[in-house]
Protein backbone atom coordinates (compact mmCIF):
# COMPACT_ATOMS: atom_id res chain seq x y z
CA MET A 1 9.32 -106.94 -119.31
CA GLY A 2 6.69 -106.55 -116.70
CA PHE A 3 4.53 -104.62 -119.16
CA ALA A 4 5.34 -106.80 -122.21
CA PHE A 5 4.71 -110.35 -120.47
CA PRO A 6 0.78 -109.80 -119.53
CA ILE A 7 0.40 -108.66 -123.25
CA LEU A 8 2.28 -112.09 -124.17
CA LEU A 9 -0.21 -113.81 -121.66
CA SER A 10 -3.12 -112.05 -123.07
CA ASN A 11 -2.41 -113.19 -126.72
CA ILE A 12 -1.48 -116.78 -125.67
CA PHE A 13 -4.74 -116.95 -123.58
CA GLN A 14 -6.87 -115.52 -126.37
CA GLN A 15 -5.46 -117.90 -128.89
CA LEU A 16 -5.86 -120.93 -126.46
CA TYR A 17 -9.58 -120.14 -125.75
CA ASN A 18 -10.14 -119.95 -129.69
CA VAL A 19 -8.74 -123.37 -129.87
CA ALA A 20 -11.04 -124.57 -126.86
CA ASP A 21 -13.66 -122.88 -128.76
CA ILE A 22 -13.16 -124.79 -131.98
CA THR A 23 -12.65 -127.96 -129.81
CA ILE A 24 -16.21 -127.46 -128.27
CA ILE A 25 -17.77 -126.75 -131.91
CA SER A 26 -16.21 -129.93 -133.28
CA TYR A 27 -17.06 -132.18 -130.23
CA THR A 28 -20.92 -130.85 -130.01
CA ILE A 29 -21.99 -129.86 -133.69
CA GLY A 30 -19.53 -131.11 -135.82
CA SER A 31 -16.88 -130.38 -138.39
CA GLU A 32 -19.39 -128.90 -140.88
CA SER A 33 -20.04 -126.16 -138.45
CA LEU A 34 -16.63 -125.85 -137.78
CA ALA A 35 -15.86 -125.23 -141.46
CA ALA A 36 -19.00 -122.92 -141.75
CA ILE A 37 -17.33 -120.78 -139.04
CA GLY A 38 -13.64 -121.03 -140.38
CA SER A 39 -14.82 -120.31 -144.17
CA THR A 40 -15.89 -116.74 -142.81
CA SER A 41 -13.22 -116.15 -140.24
CA VAL A 42 -11.15 -113.90 -142.63
CA ILE A 43 -14.10 -111.53 -142.88
CA PHE A 44 -14.16 -111.01 -139.16
CA GLY A 45 -10.27 -110.81 -139.21
CA LEU A 46 -10.88 -107.99 -141.78
CA LEU A 47 -12.97 -106.19 -139.29
CA ILE A 48 -10.76 -106.93 -136.34
CA SER A 49 -7.91 -105.46 -138.31
CA ILE A 50 -9.60 -102.10 -138.60
CA SER A 51 -10.84 -101.71 -135.13
CA GLN A 52 -7.21 -102.86 -133.71
CA GLY A 53 -5.45 -100.57 -136.22
CA MET A 54 -7.66 -97.68 -134.92
CA THR A 55 -7.42 -98.66 -131.19
CA ASN A 56 -3.62 -98.78 -131.39
CA SER A 57 -3.53 -95.27 -132.34
CA PHE A 58 -5.63 -94.57 -128.98
CA SER A 59 -2.86 -96.59 -127.08
CA ILE A 60 -0.02 -94.80 -128.41
CA MET A 61 -1.67 -91.05 -128.04
CA THR A 62 -2.77 -92.04 -124.55
CA ALA A 63 0.71 -93.00 -123.59
CA ARG A 64 2.15 -89.73 -125.37
CA HIS A 65 -0.28 -87.41 -123.34
CA SER A 66 -0.87 -89.15 -120.31
CA ASN A 67 1.56 -86.99 -117.98
CA ASN A 68 -0.08 -83.76 -119.37
CA SER A 69 -3.46 -83.25 -117.46
CA GLU A 70 -4.95 -81.10 -120.27
CA LYS A 71 -3.83 -82.91 -123.20
CA PHE A 72 -4.91 -86.09 -121.68
CA LYS A 73 -8.39 -84.82 -121.29
CA LYS A 74 -8.35 -83.59 -124.90
CA THR A 75 -7.10 -87.13 -125.88
CA LEU A 76 -9.99 -88.78 -124.03
CA VAL A 77 -12.55 -86.77 -125.81
CA ILE A 78 -11.19 -87.34 -129.19
CA LEU A 79 -11.19 -91.24 -128.52
CA MET A 80 -14.61 -90.81 -127.48
CA ILE A 81 -15.66 -89.06 -130.57
CA LEU A 82 -13.75 -91.29 -132.85
CA TYR A 83 -14.88 -94.48 -131.32
CA VAL A 84 -18.60 -93.25 -131.99
CA MET A 85 -17.72 -92.33 -135.55
CA LEU A 86 -15.82 -95.55 -136.20
CA SER A 87 -18.50 -97.82 -134.62
CA ILE A 88 -21.17 -96.20 -136.57
CA SER A 89 -19.15 -96.55 -139.78
CA LEU A 90 -18.01 -100.19 -139.05
CA THR A 91 -21.71 -101.30 -138.38
CA ILE A 92 -23.25 -99.77 -141.42
CA PHE A 93 -20.19 -101.50 -143.48
CA SER A 94 -21.07 -104.78 -141.65
CA ILE A 95 -24.71 -104.65 -142.52
CA PHE A 96 -24.37 -103.66 -146.09
CA GLY A 97 -21.08 -105.13 -147.04
CA VAL A 98 -20.53 -108.51 -145.20
CA LYS A 99 -23.18 -110.29 -147.30
CA GLN A 100 -21.29 -109.28 -150.52
CA LEU A 101 -17.93 -110.50 -149.15
CA VAL A 102 -19.57 -113.81 -147.89
CA GLN A 103 -20.74 -114.28 -151.69
CA MET A 104 -17.27 -113.70 -152.83
CA LEU A 105 -15.73 -116.46 -150.78
CA ASN A 106 -17.25 -119.33 -152.72
CA ILE A 107 -18.61 -121.17 -149.54
CA PRO A 108 -19.87 -124.65 -150.06
CA LYS A 109 -23.76 -124.96 -150.10
CA ASN A 110 -24.02 -127.31 -147.48
CA ILE A 111 -22.40 -124.80 -144.96
CA LEU A 112 -23.41 -121.69 -146.64
CA CYS A 113 -26.50 -120.89 -144.40
CA GLU A 114 -24.51 -121.54 -141.06
CA ALA A 115 -21.54 -119.34 -142.39
CA GLN A 116 -24.00 -116.55 -143.23
CA THR A 117 -25.86 -116.94 -139.73
CA TYR A 118 -22.50 -116.80 -137.85
CA ILE A 119 -20.53 -113.99 -139.41
CA GLY A 120 -24.06 -112.04 -139.86
CA ILE A 121 -24.25 -111.96 -135.94
CA ILE A 122 -20.69 -111.32 -135.23
CA SER A 123 -20.24 -108.66 -137.72
CA ASN A 124 -23.44 -106.71 -136.82
CA PHE A 125 -22.29 -106.38 -133.09
CA ILE A 126 -18.76 -105.40 -134.29
CA ALA A 127 -18.96 -102.18 -132.14
CA ILE A 128 -18.72 -104.33 -129.14
CA THR A 129 -15.37 -105.77 -130.45
CA PHE A 130 -14.23 -102.28 -131.24
CA PHE A 131 -15.36 -101.21 -127.44
CA TYR A 132 -13.13 -103.94 -125.88
CA ASN A 133 -10.06 -103.10 -128.15
CA ALA A 134 -10.39 -99.42 -127.48
CA MET A 135 -10.68 -99.98 -123.71
CA SER A 136 -7.79 -102.34 -123.49
CA GLY A 137 -5.69 -100.06 -125.76
CA LEU A 138 -6.43 -97.22 -123.57
CA LEU A 139 -5.29 -98.89 -120.50
CA ARG A 140 -2.23 -100.13 -122.28
CA GLY A 141 -1.57 -96.53 -123.07
CA LEU A 142 -1.68 -95.60 -119.38
CA GLY A 143 0.71 -98.32 -118.70
CA ASN A 144 -1.62 -100.95 -117.30
CA SER A 145 -1.52 -104.31 -119.29
CA LYS A 146 -2.70 -106.62 -116.39
CA ILE A 147 -6.43 -105.21 -116.25
CA PRO A 148 -7.08 -106.12 -120.03
CA LEU A 149 -5.52 -109.66 -119.38
CA ILE A 150 -7.79 -110.29 -116.28
CA ALA A 151 -10.78 -109.07 -118.21
CA LEU A 152 -9.87 -111.45 -121.21
CA ILE A 153 -9.32 -114.39 -118.62
CA ILE A 154 -12.69 -113.90 -117.01
CA SER A 155 -14.48 -113.11 -120.35
CA SER A 156 -12.87 -116.31 -122.06
CA LEU A 157 -14.08 -118.61 -119.31
CA VAL A 158 -17.74 -117.08 -119.42
CA HIS A 159 -17.34 -117.53 -123.41
CA ILE A 160 -16.69 -121.28 -123.15
CA PHE A 161 -19.11 -121.65 -120.40
CA LEU A 162 -21.90 -119.95 -122.66
CA ASP A 163 -20.66 -122.12 -125.83
CA TYR A 164 -21.71 -124.93 -123.86
CA ILE A 165 -24.90 -123.75 -122.69
CA PHE A 166 -26.26 -122.43 -125.66
CA VAL A 167 -25.01 -125.43 -128.01
CA VAL A 168 -25.47 -128.46 -125.68
CA TYR A 169 -28.77 -127.26 -123.69
CA LEU A 170 -30.25 -124.41 -125.82
CA ASN A 171 -29.54 -126.36 -129.05
CA THR A 172 -28.84 -122.99 -130.93
CA GLY A 173 -26.05 -124.27 -133.02
CA VAL A 174 -23.48 -121.77 -134.73
CA SER A 175 -25.67 -118.89 -133.70
CA GLY A 176 -24.98 -119.70 -130.13
CA ILE A 177 -21.50 -119.64 -130.86
CA ALA A 178 -21.76 -116.15 -132.14
CA TYR A 179 -23.90 -114.82 -129.34
CA SER A 180 -21.60 -116.26 -126.65
CA THR A 181 -18.73 -114.48 -128.47
CA VAL A 182 -20.44 -111.11 -128.44
CA ILE A 183 -21.72 -111.29 -124.96
CA SER A 184 -18.16 -112.22 -123.51
CA GLN A 185 -16.36 -109.58 -125.37
CA LEU A 186 -19.12 -107.19 -124.05
CA LEU A 187 -18.08 -108.27 -120.49
CA SER A 188 -14.43 -107.69 -121.29
CA ALA A 189 -15.14 -104.33 -122.20
CA LEU A 190 -17.17 -103.35 -119.34
CA ILE A 191 -14.46 -104.66 -116.82
CA CYS A 192 -11.99 -102.35 -118.36
CA LEU A 193 -14.39 -99.48 -118.49
CA PHE A 194 -15.43 -99.86 -114.77
CA TYR A 195 -11.80 -99.97 -113.77
CA PHE A 196 -10.88 -96.98 -115.76
CA LEU A 197 -14.00 -94.88 -114.35
CA LYS A 198 -13.13 -95.91 -110.80
CA LYS A 199 -9.42 -94.90 -111.23
CA TYR A 200 -9.92 -91.64 -113.13
CA GLN A 201 -13.25 -90.71 -111.67
CA PHE A 202 -11.96 -87.05 -110.75
CA LEU A 203 -11.68 -86.45 -114.43
CA GLU A 204 -13.94 -83.65 -115.53
CA LEU A 205 -14.42 -83.92 -119.43
CA ASN A 206 -15.99 -80.94 -121.42
CA PHE A 207 -16.28 -81.71 -125.00
CA LYS A 208 -16.26 -78.06 -126.21
CA LYS A 209 -13.40 -77.12 -124.16
CA HIS A 210 -11.31 -80.05 -124.63
CA PHE A 211 -12.07 -80.78 -128.25
CA ASP A 212 -8.85 -80.52 -130.30
CA LYS A 213 -8.71 -80.56 -134.23
CA ASN A 214 -4.79 -81.24 -134.12
CA ILE A 215 -5.09 -84.44 -131.88
CA LEU A 216 -8.17 -85.56 -133.88
CA CYS A 217 -6.32 -85.38 -137.27
CA GLU A 218 -2.99 -87.07 -135.49
CA THR A 219 -5.01 -89.78 -133.94
CA PHE A 220 -7.07 -90.69 -136.91
CA TYR A 221 -4.36 -90.51 -139.37
CA LEU A 222 -2.05 -92.68 -137.17
CA GLY A 223 -4.69 -95.20 -136.73
CA LEU A 224 -5.55 -95.10 -140.40
CA SER A 225 -1.87 -96.00 -141.34
CA ILE A 226 -1.80 -99.09 -138.81
CA ALA A 227 -5.17 -100.12 -139.97
CA LEU A 228 -4.23 -100.01 -143.51
CA THR A 229 -1.28 -102.34 -142.85
CA LEU A 230 -3.35 -105.05 -140.98
CA SER A 231 -6.25 -104.80 -143.55
CA ILE A 232 -3.90 -105.21 -146.38
CA VAL A 233 -2.92 -108.57 -144.71
CA SER A 234 -6.61 -109.56 -143.86
CA ILE A 235 -7.66 -108.90 -147.50
CA SER A 236 -5.10 -111.35 -148.82
CA SER A 237 -6.31 -113.88 -146.25
CA ILE A 238 -9.94 -113.39 -147.89
CA VAL A 239 -8.41 -113.87 -151.10
CA PHE A 240 -6.64 -117.05 -150.20
CA GLN A 241 -9.73 -118.36 -148.02
CA LYS A 242 -11.77 -118.22 -151.37
CA ALA A 243 -9.57 -120.63 -152.72
CA ILE A 244 -9.57 -122.92 -149.98
CA ASN A 245 -13.26 -122.79 -149.74
CA ASN A 246 -13.37 -124.56 -153.32
CA PHE A 247 -11.91 -127.78 -151.77
CA GLY A 248 -15.07 -128.58 -149.48
CA THR A 249 -15.71 -129.09 -145.86
CA ASP A 250 -12.92 -131.40 -145.07
CA ILE A 251 -10.30 -128.86 -146.33
CA ILE A 252 -11.86 -125.89 -144.81
CA ALA A 253 -12.12 -127.71 -141.29
CA SER A 254 -8.51 -129.01 -141.28
CA TYR A 255 -7.06 -125.58 -142.44
CA THR A 256 -9.25 -123.82 -139.54
CA ALA A 257 -7.87 -126.12 -136.91
CA SER A 258 -4.19 -126.19 -138.25
CA GLY A 259 -4.22 -122.42 -138.61
CA LYS A 260 -5.34 -122.08 -134.92
CA ILE A 261 -2.38 -124.17 -133.81
CA LYS A 262 0.02 -122.28 -136.10
CA ASP A 263 -1.22 -119.02 -134.64
CA VAL A 264 -0.88 -120.07 -130.92
CA LEU A 265 2.79 -121.22 -131.68
CA MET A 266 3.57 -117.98 -133.58
CA LEU A 267 2.61 -115.78 -130.80
CA PRO A 268 6.05 -115.87 -128.84
CA LEU A 269 7.57 -114.59 -132.37
CA ILE A 270 5.00 -111.67 -132.47
CA THR A 271 5.63 -110.63 -128.80
CA LEU A 272 9.25 -110.62 -129.34
CA SER A 273 8.92 -108.60 -132.33
CA ILE A 274 6.83 -106.05 -130.50
CA ALA A 275 9.35 -105.71 -127.71
CA THR A 276 12.22 -105.47 -130.35
CA SER A 277 10.46 -102.41 -131.76
CA THR A 278 10.13 -100.71 -128.48
CA TYR A 279 13.84 -101.40 -127.58
CA VAL A 280 15.19 -100.51 -130.98
CA SER A 281 13.22 -97.22 -130.85
CA GLN A 282 14.66 -96.29 -127.38
CA ASN A 283 18.15 -96.75 -128.39
CA PHE A 284 17.58 -95.13 -131.93
CA GLY A 285 16.52 -92.10 -129.98
CA ALA A 286 19.80 -92.33 -127.91
CA LYS A 287 21.65 -93.08 -131.11
CA LYS A 288 23.03 -96.14 -129.55
CA TYR A 289 23.17 -98.17 -132.70
CA LYS A 290 25.41 -101.09 -131.45
CA ARG A 291 22.71 -101.72 -128.87
CA ILE A 292 20.10 -101.96 -131.68
CA PHE A 293 22.10 -104.54 -133.59
CA ASP A 294 22.84 -106.47 -130.30
CA GLY A 295 19.26 -106.42 -129.39
CA ILE A 296 18.13 -107.83 -132.70
CA LYS A 297 20.74 -110.48 -132.63
CA ILE A 298 19.46 -111.58 -129.04
CA SER A 299 15.91 -111.64 -130.52
CA PHE A 300 16.82 -113.90 -133.28
CA ILE A 301 18.65 -116.37 -130.72
CA PHE A 302 15.35 -116.40 -128.71
CA SER A 303 13.42 -116.76 -131.81
CA VAL A 304 15.47 -119.70 -133.31
CA ILE A 305 15.43 -121.59 -129.81
CA TRP A 306 11.53 -121.41 -129.92
CA ILE A 307 11.08 -122.60 -133.36
CA ILE A 308 13.33 -125.58 -132.83
CA LEU A 309 11.38 -126.40 -129.70
CA ILE A 310 7.92 -126.17 -131.31
CA ASN A 311 9.20 -128.25 -134.42
CA ILE A 312 10.35 -130.92 -132.28
CA PHE A 313 7.08 -130.83 -130.18
CA VAL A 314 4.68 -130.83 -133.14
CA LEU A 315 6.67 -133.74 -134.97
CA PHE A 316 5.59 -136.14 -132.39
CA THR A 317 2.15 -134.60 -131.26
CA SER A 318 0.64 -133.19 -134.48
CA LYS A 319 -1.56 -136.14 -135.24
CA GLN A 320 -2.87 -136.24 -131.34
CA LEU A 321 -3.41 -132.47 -131.38
CA ILE A 322 -5.65 -132.47 -134.78
CA VAL A 323 -7.55 -135.37 -133.68
CA LEU A 324 -7.98 -133.66 -130.10
CA ILE A 325 -9.10 -130.40 -131.67
CA THR A 326 -11.40 -131.61 -134.40
CA ASN A 327 -12.68 -134.89 -132.83
CA SER A 328 -12.28 -136.28 -136.16
CA SER A 329 -10.81 -139.70 -137.61
CA ASN A 330 -11.04 -138.32 -140.91
CA LEU A 331 -7.99 -139.21 -142.56
CA ASN A 332 -8.28 -136.03 -145.18
CA ILE A 333 -8.56 -133.73 -142.14
CA ILE A 334 -5.83 -135.36 -140.21
CA ASP A 335 -3.18 -135.57 -143.05
CA PHE A 336 -3.82 -132.14 -144.43
CA ALA A 337 -3.47 -130.48 -141.04
CA ARG A 338 -0.22 -132.34 -140.29
CA ASN A 339 1.21 -131.78 -143.52
CA TYR A 340 0.65 -128.04 -143.45
CA LEU A 341 2.14 -127.85 -139.91
CA SER A 342 5.15 -130.05 -141.00
CA ILE A 343 5.90 -127.53 -143.99
CA ASN A 344 5.05 -124.21 -142.32
CA LEU A 345 6.61 -124.60 -138.86
CA PRO A 346 10.27 -124.81 -140.21
CA PHE A 347 9.81 -121.55 -142.26
CA PHE A 348 9.01 -119.79 -139.02
CA ILE A 349 12.57 -118.98 -139.24
CA VAL A 350 12.04 -117.03 -142.17
CA LEU A 351 8.94 -115.42 -140.52
CA SER A 352 10.99 -114.35 -137.60
CA ILE A 353 13.23 -112.48 -139.91
CA VAL A 354 10.29 -110.70 -141.28
CA LEU A 355 8.80 -109.81 -137.88
CA ILE A 356 11.91 -108.81 -136.13
CA LEU A 357 13.44 -106.72 -138.94
CA ARG A 358 10.09 -105.08 -139.82
CA SER A 359 9.64 -104.16 -136.35
CA SER A 360 13.00 -102.69 -136.10
CA LEU A 361 12.42 -100.58 -139.01
CA GLN A 362 9.17 -99.35 -137.67
CA GLY A 363 11.11 -98.54 -134.57
CA VAL A 364 13.41 -96.19 -136.28
CA GLY A 365 10.65 -94.43 -138.47
CA ARG A 366 10.80 -96.63 -141.60
CA LYS A 367 7.03 -97.34 -141.49
CA ALA A 368 6.56 -97.55 -145.21
CA ILE A 369 8.17 -101.02 -145.34
CA SER A 370 5.41 -102.59 -143.45
CA ILE A 371 2.60 -101.35 -145.81
CA LEU A 372 4.91 -102.38 -148.81
CA SER A 373 5.38 -105.78 -147.30
CA GLY A 374 1.81 -105.95 -146.71
CA ILE A 375 0.79 -105.04 -150.51
CA THR A 376 3.43 -107.50 -151.60
CA GLU A 377 1.55 -110.30 -149.75
CA LEU A 378 -1.58 -109.44 -151.07
CA ILE A 379 -0.16 -109.17 -154.77
CA LEU A 380 1.47 -112.59 -154.38
CA LYS A 381 -1.69 -114.16 -152.98
CA VAL A 382 -3.72 -112.96 -155.72
CA ILE A 383 -1.19 -114.17 -158.28
CA PHE A 384 -0.97 -117.49 -156.35
CA VAL A 385 -4.79 -118.12 -156.44
CA SER A 386 -5.44 -116.49 -160.09
CA TYR A 387 -2.42 -117.77 -162.15
CA PHE A 388 -1.47 -121.17 -160.74
CA GLU A 389 -3.72 -124.34 -160.97
CA ILE A 390 -4.48 -124.30 -157.24
CA LYS A 391 -4.62 -127.91 -155.75
CA TYR A 392 -4.89 -128.47 -152.11
CA TRP A 393 -1.45 -129.47 -151.56
CA GLN A 394 -0.39 -126.23 -153.02
CA ILE A 395 -1.90 -124.37 -149.83
CA TYR A 396 1.06 -125.89 -147.96
CA PHE A 397 3.71 -123.87 -149.53
CA CYS A 398 1.87 -120.46 -150.06
CA ASP A 399 2.76 -118.73 -146.71
CA PRO A 400 6.49 -119.90 -146.94
CA ILE A 401 6.85 -118.63 -150.18
CA ILE A 402 5.35 -115.03 -149.39
CA TRP A 403 7.31 -115.13 -146.13
CA SER A 404 10.50 -115.69 -148.21
CA LEU A 405 9.97 -113.06 -150.63
CA CYS A 406 8.91 -110.48 -148.16
CA GLY A 407 11.96 -111.33 -146.01
CA ILE A 408 14.19 -110.53 -149.03
CA ILE A 409 12.53 -107.17 -149.45
CA ILE A 410 12.60 -106.26 -145.71
CA SER A 411 16.14 -107.46 -145.21
CA CYS A 412 17.51 -105.40 -148.12
CA ASP A 413 15.88 -102.29 -146.66
CA PHE A 414 17.10 -103.04 -143.00
CA PHE A 415 20.69 -103.58 -144.48
CA ARG A 416 20.41 -100.33 -146.60
CA TRP A 417 19.50 -98.57 -143.45
CA LYS A 418 22.17 -100.35 -141.36
CA ASN A 419 24.71 -99.22 -143.84
CA ILE A 420 23.64 -95.50 -143.63
CA GLN A 421 24.11 -95.61 -139.82
CA ASN A 422 27.39 -97.22 -140.12
CA GLN A 423 28.49 -94.38 -142.56
CA ARG A 424 27.28 -91.81 -140.50
CA SER A 425 29.11 -93.17 -137.35
CA PHE A 426 32.20 -93.52 -139.40
CA ASN A 427 32.00 -89.69 -140.33
CA LEU A 428 31.55 -88.82 -136.91
């Protein structure tokens, strides 16, 4: 719990500072600029998914070899090599591929220029975002989740301060928002790097001596499998964002604001599913199947309690939250956001089933189900956008329908696995 709690705080703080970021944009440069940033956020999300997938493998491999000095050095060398290779690849993709993705999104003409400016700056400096994810993943692999949290808090405060300076005093608009994001992420990465160099200054790395082809392949393919799962979900979000962009700036701004609120409220469920995965993995190795099922039940109980509390909270405060974040009295923005939250949040019960059971199945080595559920989500969103007469109110129901269908797939796989374990236990 001491390790997981800083991760939860990091996730919550990052989402809260994203909400603060949106609020500053709304109060200073208006809802159209908010819509411009929100209309391309899925592209940034795709790049983040790729980098997080690869850096998660950094964390796993570091943890695996941290107690073996020679293998630890080999792992560090491989991480450096992969970071350079992937940073160059992501930057090239950003320079030549992001423009095409922006064109695919059908962004309204009145916000297209701002959208291109923002995502162009963010994507061209994606190596910096990758740098922070790599350093925080490396430290977490060494059992230190506190330093990434401290770095995030410091950089978030700096980011909000720079937002205000760039936008209010320098009048730079969305480009200032983008540059403040890049600068604050670089600060986070440097804090983590300086800590690592100070703590492990005794390490003497030799690229020729410590290069290990097996560790390189294992790290790369592990990261690739995680990145693939995350990227499939991000691609499905791009498909859906394209449909949302057809409804104009009011709906885009409202969807951006309500989506951030939803993301903040979802974080405890995500953190709980991560903890469940670790717990299940430990007990699966020890063949303590009853403890696995008991742990899953407890996770569901905590999830249900949290979901009831947030639904009550949002029921009475949704209007105030939307007005506070968007600085808008526009009824179209307020009504869409309130309806979106009121329909989606009760379905967090279904989402918790998806998250907890999927993480549990990953914990016992059934990783294919995650990719399958991601592909299912992508296919369903393509069908939803392509074959339904999309109206803005249909956006409310897209995620709940997809969560429900993915929940059925994952539940069937989980109970199939459970029956197999019960049969084995009976035979023993």
